[in-house]
Amino acid sequence: MPVISYNKCIICDSDRLYLFRKRGQFELLRCGQCKLIFCNKIELEKIRKFYSEDYFEKNPVGIGDNFNYYENKGFVFRYHAKAILKQIEKYRKEPGRLLDVGAGFGYFLDEMHLKGWEVFGVDASKRGCSYTKEHFKMPLIYGLFEYDNLDLNQLQFDVITLLDVLDHSTAPHKMLVKAHSLLKPNGLVVSVAVNIDWWFKIIDFRPPVHLFWFSERNLSRLYQKLGFRILVIRPFWVPFTVDEFVRKALTHFFRFPQLAPYICPALSYLFKNTIIKWPDETLIIAQKVDKV
């Protein structure tokens, strides 16, 4: 069974790696030079199994059980999709061909399709792939983008989106290398990922949900190392439902997760369709250039 393990940093190549913390069976390391934090020694098959049917049968953020989080919170994902589209349109005026990696339940692809884009998607969940095909009539390719040979028919893309996936991958550098190979000349990669340096940290050090934790500085450095020119890098205002935001704050900032089951269900009922935005992620739009 393949185990993904690193003896040097994927960004700066430093071998000064220190134990950051232990999370059960998982070991989190921190680079002494660029401050990247990552989970080491991950069995690849465990990651494949993690994104199984059960992952989508339960609410992955931990508020309640036995309902489909991704269906019930679809309005949040559409809001997120429109915010990303607005950023893409600043650098790409006309629709083109787009690949969404980690397409999930297809809300982003559907919004892009409605705007005239030719869309393709990849996801590591069979459930997500079947849901998108059934509800939006758009087949997704099943697999791990950074590892699997995907049937893309040698297509080249104008834009590739990596929305909340780089920090979920066991090999984000391989994701960017593959994205580079699939882009047309001057094509764009658009990503959002948790910013470890944001002062109000509601960050979840809970592998295997997240496996890498970037700062704006070291993530931009990774892009430039792998043949991209940064067009924009800035905080991204992530949309949350009220109950989800409070649950994350109670758990990861105030350290009172035991209060969430008493507070969050009431907030979910009272503020059912209300969205809160919080800038704890980094948006990067980068253009393909020749490798350096």
Protein backbone atom coordinates (compact mmCIF):
# COMPACT_ATOMS: atom_id res chain seq x y z
CA MET A 1 0.00 0.00 0.00
CA PRO A 2 1.65 3.28 -1.14
CA VAL A 3 2.57 5.69 1.67
CA ILE A 4 3.11 9.35 0.82
CA SER A 5 6.08 10.55 2.85
CA TYR A 6 8.38 13.58 2.60
CA ASN A 7 11.91 14.06 3.90
CA LYS A 8 12.13 17.63 2.58
CA CYS A 9 9.76 20.53 2.01
CA ILE A 10 7.88 20.53 -1.30
CA ILE A 11 8.23 24.33 -1.54
CA CYS A 12 11.75 25.30 -0.45
CA ASP A 13 13.42 21.85 -0.46
CA SER A 14 14.61 22.32 3.11
CA ASP A 15 15.19 19.20 5.19
CA ARG A 16 14.64 21.17 8.42
CA LEU A 17 11.33 19.53 9.25
CA TYR A 18 10.05 19.60 12.82
CA LEU A 19 7.13 17.94 14.55
CA PHE A 20 4.32 20.50 14.77
CA ARG A 21 1.77 18.31 16.53
CA LYS A 22 0.26 14.83 16.64
CA ARG A 23 -3.35 14.16 15.71
CA GLY A 24 -4.14 10.58 16.60
CA GLN A 25 -2.24 8.42 14.14
CA PHE A 26 -1.30 11.45 12.03
CA GLU A 27 2.00 13.33 12.26
CA LEU A 28 2.03 17.02 11.30
CA LEU A 29 5.41 18.51 10.35
CA ARG A 30 6.47 22.13 9.96
CA CYS A 31 9.21 23.38 7.66
CA GLY A 32 11.78 25.37 9.61
CA GLN A 33 12.46 27.61 6.60
CA CYS A 34 9.20 28.49 4.78
CA LYS A 35 6.84 27.49 7.65
CA LEU A 36 4.73 25.10 5.56
CA ILE A 37 2.73 22.68 7.74
CA PHE A 38 1.77 19.30 6.34
CA CYS A 39 0.69 15.81 7.27
CA ASN A 40 3.38 13.21 6.65
CA LYS A 41 3.22 9.46 6.00
CA ILE A 42 -0.29 9.14 4.57
CA GLU A 43 -1.53 5.90 3.04
CA LEU A 44 -2.99 6.76 -0.35
CA GLU A 45 -5.71 4.13 -0.14
CA LYS A 46 -6.94 5.65 3.11
CA ILE A 47 -7.47 8.93 1.27
CA ARG A 48 -9.42 7.16 -1.45
CA LYS A 49 -11.62 5.50 1.16
CA PHE A 50 -12.11 8.75 3.06
CA TYR A 51 -14.02 10.23 0.12
CA SER A 52 -16.44 7.34 0.09
CA GLU A 53 -20.24 7.27 0.17
CA ASP A 54 -20.17 7.80 3.93
CA TYR A 55 -18.29 11.11 3.62
CA PHE A 56 -21.28 12.65 1.86
CA GLU A 57 -23.97 10.89 3.89
CA LYS A 58 -22.91 12.87 6.97
CA ASN A 59 -22.26 16.54 7.51
CA PRO A 60 -18.46 16.82 7.26
CA VAL A 61 -18.35 19.97 9.40
CA GLY A 62 -19.95 18.20 12.32
CA ILE A 63 -23.36 19.85 12.82
CA GLY A 64 -25.91 17.08 13.15
CA ASP A 65 -26.07 13.72 11.47
CA ASN A 66 -28.06 11.84 8.88
CA PHE A 67 -28.72 14.63 6.39
CA ASN A 68 -27.01 15.53 3.18
CA TYR A 69 -24.91 18.60 3.92
CA TYR A 70 -24.03 19.22 0.29
CA GLU A 71 -27.64 19.24 -0.86
CA ASN A 72 -28.96 21.32 2.05
CA LYS A 73 -26.22 23.92 1.75
CA GLY A 74 -26.32 24.20 -2.03
CA PHE A 75 -27.14 27.91 -1.89
CA VAL A 76 -23.79 28.53 -0.12
CA PHE A 77 -21.86 26.69 -2.84
CA ARG A 78 -23.64 28.68 -5.55
CA TYR A 79 -22.78 31.92 -3.77
CA HIS A 80 -19.16 30.75 -3.62
CA ALA A 81 -19.23 29.83 -7.32
CA LYS A 82 -20.48 33.26 -8.37
CA ALA A 83 -17.77 34.96 -6.30
CA ILE A 84 -15.08 32.88 -8.04
CA LEU A 85 -16.60 33.54 -11.46
CA LYS A 86 -16.48 37.28 -10.78
CA GLN A 87 -12.73 37.00 -10.13
CA ILE A 88 -12.11 34.90 -13.27
CA GLU A 89 -13.95 37.41 -15.45
CA LYS A 90 -11.43 40.11 -14.48
CA TYR A 91 -8.76 38.19 -16.41
CA ARG A 92 -10.82 36.20 -18.88
CA LYS A 93 -13.56 38.21 -20.60
CA GLU A 94 -14.93 35.46 -22.84
CA PRO A 95 -16.03 31.95 -21.80
CA GLY A 96 -13.69 29.14 -22.69
CA ARG A 97 -12.91 25.58 -21.63
CA LEU A 98 -12.68 24.98 -17.89
CA LEU A 99 -11.63 22.05 -15.71
CA ASP A 100 -12.75 22.03 -12.08
CA VAL A 101 -10.65 19.75 -9.86
CA GLY A 102 -12.52 18.56 -6.79
CA ALA A 103 -15.84 19.36 -8.41
CA GLY A 104 -17.85 17.82 -5.57
CA PHE A 105 -21.58 18.07 -6.22
CA GLY A 106 -21.18 20.20 -9.34
CA TYR A 107 -22.58 23.56 -8.25
CA PHE A 108 -19.58 25.52 -9.53
CA LEU A 109 -19.59 23.69 -12.86
CA ASP A 110 -23.31 24.35 -13.25
CA GLU A 111 -22.85 28.09 -12.63
CA MET A 112 -20.00 28.23 -15.15
CA HIS A 113 -22.02 26.25 -17.70
CA LEU A 114 -24.90 28.72 -17.34
CA LYS A 115 -22.42 31.48 -18.24
CA GLY A 116 -21.45 29.74 -21.47
CA TRP A 117 -18.31 27.87 -20.44
CA GLU A 118 -17.43 24.41 -21.77
CA VAL A 119 -16.97 22.59 -18.49
CA PHE A 120 -15.25 19.41 -17.30
CA GLY A 121 -14.81 18.14 -13.76
CA VAL A 122 -12.79 15.66 -11.72
CA ASP A 123 -13.65 14.39 -8.25
CA ALA A 124 -12.40 11.71 -5.86
CA SER A 125 -15.94 10.80 -4.76
CA LYS A 126 -18.14 8.42 -6.73
CA ARG A 127 -21.12 9.91 -4.91
CA GLY A 128 -20.23 13.42 -6.06
CA CYS A 129 -19.75 12.20 -9.62
CA SER A 130 -23.12 10.43 -9.72
CA TYR A 131 -24.94 13.40 -8.12
CA THR A 132 -23.56 15.84 -10.70
CA LYS A 133 -24.48 13.54 -13.57
CA GLU A 134 -28.01 13.02 -12.22
CA HIS A 135 -28.85 16.61 -11.26
CA PHE A 136 -26.86 18.70 -13.74
CA LYS A 137 -26.41 16.24 -16.63
CA MET A 138 -22.66 16.75 -16.52
CA PRO A 139 -20.52 13.63 -16.11
CA LEU A 140 -17.48 14.00 -13.88
CA ILE A 141 -14.30 11.97 -14.18
CA TYR A 142 -13.73 9.88 -11.08
CA GLY A 143 -10.22 9.76 -9.63
CA LEU A 144 -7.45 11.53 -7.77
CA PHE A 145 -6.30 14.28 -10.12
CA GLU A 146 -2.67 14.32 -8.97
CA TYR A 147 -2.16 10.52 -9.23
CA ASP A 148 -4.56 8.91 -11.68
CA ASN A 149 -4.45 8.76 -15.46
CA LEU A 150 -7.64 10.62 -16.31
CA ASP A 151 -9.54 10.33 -19.56
CA LEU A 152 -9.43 13.94 -20.72
CA ASN A 153 -8.91 13.07 -24.40
CA GLN A 154 -5.74 15.18 -24.54
CA LEU A 155 -7.79 18.32 -23.98
CA GLN A 156 -6.16 21.64 -23.14
CA PHE A 157 -7.93 24.15 -20.90
CA ASP A 158 -8.19 27.92 -20.64
CA VAL A 159 -8.84 27.79 -16.89
CA ILE A 160 -8.30 25.12 -14.23
CA THR A 161 -9.85 25.68 -10.81
CA LEU A 162 -8.49 24.17 -7.58
CA LEU A 163 -11.07 25.39 -5.08
CA ASP A 164 -10.32 24.14 -1.57
CA VAL A 165 -8.39 21.16 -2.89
CA LEU A 166 -4.67 22.00 -2.65
CA ASP A 167 -4.83 21.80 1.14
CA HIS A 168 -6.78 18.52 0.96
CA SER A 169 -4.24 16.79 -1.28
CA THR A 170 -1.33 14.57 -0.27
CA ALA A 171 0.68 16.17 -3.11
CA PRO A 172 -0.40 19.73 -4.00
CA HIS A 173 2.81 20.29 -5.96
CA LYS A 174 1.86 17.40 -8.24
CA MET A 175 -1.58 18.96 -8.71
CA LEU A 176 0.00 22.18 -9.94
CA VAL A 177 2.46 20.34 -12.19
CA LYS A 178 -0.41 18.43 -13.81
CA ALA A 179 -2.50 21.59 -14.12
CA HIS A 180 0.42 23.28 -15.87
CA SER A 181 0.60 20.44 -18.41
CA LEU A 182 -3.15 20.66 -19.15
CA LEU A 183 -3.35 24.43 -19.62
CA LYS A 184 -3.21 26.21 -22.94
CA PRO A 185 -0.43 28.79 -23.31
CA ASN A 186 -1.15 31.67 -20.91
CA GLY A 187 -3.94 29.65 -19.32
CA LEU A 188 -5.04 30.37 -15.76
CA VAL A 189 -5.11 28.42 -12.53
CA VAL A 190 -7.50 29.69 -9.86
CA SER A 191 -7.22 28.36 -6.32
CA VAL A 192 -8.46 29.07 -2.83
CA ALA A 193 -6.88 27.50 0.23
CA VAL A 194 -6.87 28.09 3.98
CA ASN A 195 -4.44 30.84 5.06
CA ILE A 196 -2.54 29.69 8.13
CA ASP A 197 -1.47 33.27 8.91
CA TRP A 198 -4.96 34.73 9.23
CA TRP A 199 -5.17 36.23 12.75
CA PHE A 200 -8.63 34.87 13.67
CA LYS A 201 -7.85 31.22 13.15
CA ILE A 202 -10.83 28.92 12.71
CA ILE A 203 -8.48 26.43 11.11
CA ASP A 204 -9.08 22.73 11.39
CA PHE A 205 -5.91 20.75 12.15
CA ARG A 206 -7.84 17.54 11.63
CA PRO A 207 -6.31 15.22 9.05
CA PRO A 208 -7.29 13.71 6.72
CA VAL A 209 -9.84 16.52 6.16
CA HIS A 210 -6.85 18.83 5.58
CA LEU A 211 -3.33 17.67 4.83
CA PHE A 212 -1.45 20.89 4.00
CA TRP A 213 -1.66 24.34 5.62
CA PHE A 214 -0.25 27.23 3.58
CA SER A 215 0.49 30.90 4.11
CA GLU A 216 0.05 33.42 1.30
CA ARG A 217 3.81 33.69 1.04
CA ASN A 218 4.76 30.04 0.78
CA LEU A 219 1.84 29.14 -1.50
CA SER A 220 2.76 31.88 -3.96
CA ARG A 221 6.34 30.61 -3.81
CA LEU A 222 5.16 27.12 -4.78
CA TYR A 223 3.28 28.50 -7.79
CA GLN A 224 6.31 30.44 -9.00
CA LYS A 225 8.58 27.45 -8.52
CA LEU A 226 6.35 25.34 -10.79
CA GLY A 227 6.05 27.69 -13.74
CA PHE A 228 3.29 30.18 -12.93
CA ARG A 229 3.17 33.96 -12.78
CA ILE A 230 0.99 35.31 -9.97
CA LEU A 231 -1.64 37.74 -11.26
CA VAL A 232 -3.46 38.23 -7.98
CA ILE A 233 -3.04 36.97 -4.45
CA ARG A 234 -5.33 38.25 -1.73
CA PRO A 235 -7.69 37.15 1.06
CA PHE A 236 -10.83 35.43 -0.14
CA TRP A 237 -14.12 35.98 1.68
CA VAL A 238 -15.44 32.48 2.24
CA PRO A 239 -19.23 32.12 2.58
CA PHE A 240 -20.60 30.18 5.57
CA THR A 241 -24.01 29.57 7.00
CA VAL A 242 -24.36 31.13 10.44
CA ASP A 243 -24.43 27.77 12.23
CA GLU A 244 -21.35 26.49 10.39
CA PHE A 245 -19.35 29.64 11.14
CA VAL A 246 -20.24 29.56 14.84
CA ARG A 247 -19.40 25.85 15.06
CA LYS A 248 -15.97 26.44 13.51
CA ALA A 249 -15.29 29.42 15.78
CA LEU A 250 -16.34 27.53 18.92
CA THR A 251 -14.23 24.53 17.96
CA HIS A 252 -11.04 26.03 16.57
CA PHE A 253 -10.77 29.52 18.11
CA PHE A 254 -12.60 29.58 21.42
CA ARG A 255 -11.91 25.87 22.09
CA PHE A 256 -15.43 25.08 23.32
CA PRO A 257 -16.64 22.48 20.79
CA GLN A 258 -18.97 20.96 23.39
CA LEU A 259 -21.23 24.02 23.07
CA ALA A 260 -21.82 23.57 19.33
CA PRO A 261 -24.53 20.84 19.57
CA TYR A 262 -26.59 23.10 21.84
CA ILE A 263 -26.19 26.34 19.92
CA CYS A 264 -25.80 25.48 16.24
CA PRO A 265 -29.11 23.66 15.56
CA ALA A 266 -31.04 26.70 16.78
CA LEU A 267 -28.91 29.00 14.62
CA SER A 268 -29.51 26.75 11.62
CA TYR A 269 -33.26 27.08 12.13
CA LEU A 270 -33.29 30.84 12.86
CA PHE A 271 -30.85 31.86 10.12
CA LYS A 272 -31.53 29.12 7.59
CA ASN A 273 -30.57 31.02 4.42
CA THR A 274 -28.26 33.65 5.91
CA ILE A 275 -24.64 33.83 4.74
CA ILE A 276 -21.64 35.13 6.68
CA LYS A 277 -18.39 35.85 4.83
CA TRP A 278 -14.98 35.51 6.45
CA PRO A 279 -11.56 36.18 4.80
CA ASP A 280 -9.58 33.22 6.14
CA GLU A 281 -8.56 31.77 2.77
CA THR A 282 -6.14 32.86 0.08
CA LEU A 283 -7.25 33.42 -3.50
CA ILE A 284 -4.60 33.00 -6.17
CA ILE A 285 -5.02 33.56 -9.88
CA ALA A 286 -1.87 32.54 -11.74
CA GLN A 287 -0.91 32.37 -15.39
CA LYS A 288 1.03 29.58 -17.04
CA VAL A 289 4.52 30.54 -18.16
CA ASP A 290 7.53 28.51 -19.18
CA LYS A 291 8.92 26.37 -16.37
CA VAL A 292 11.83 27.88 -14.51
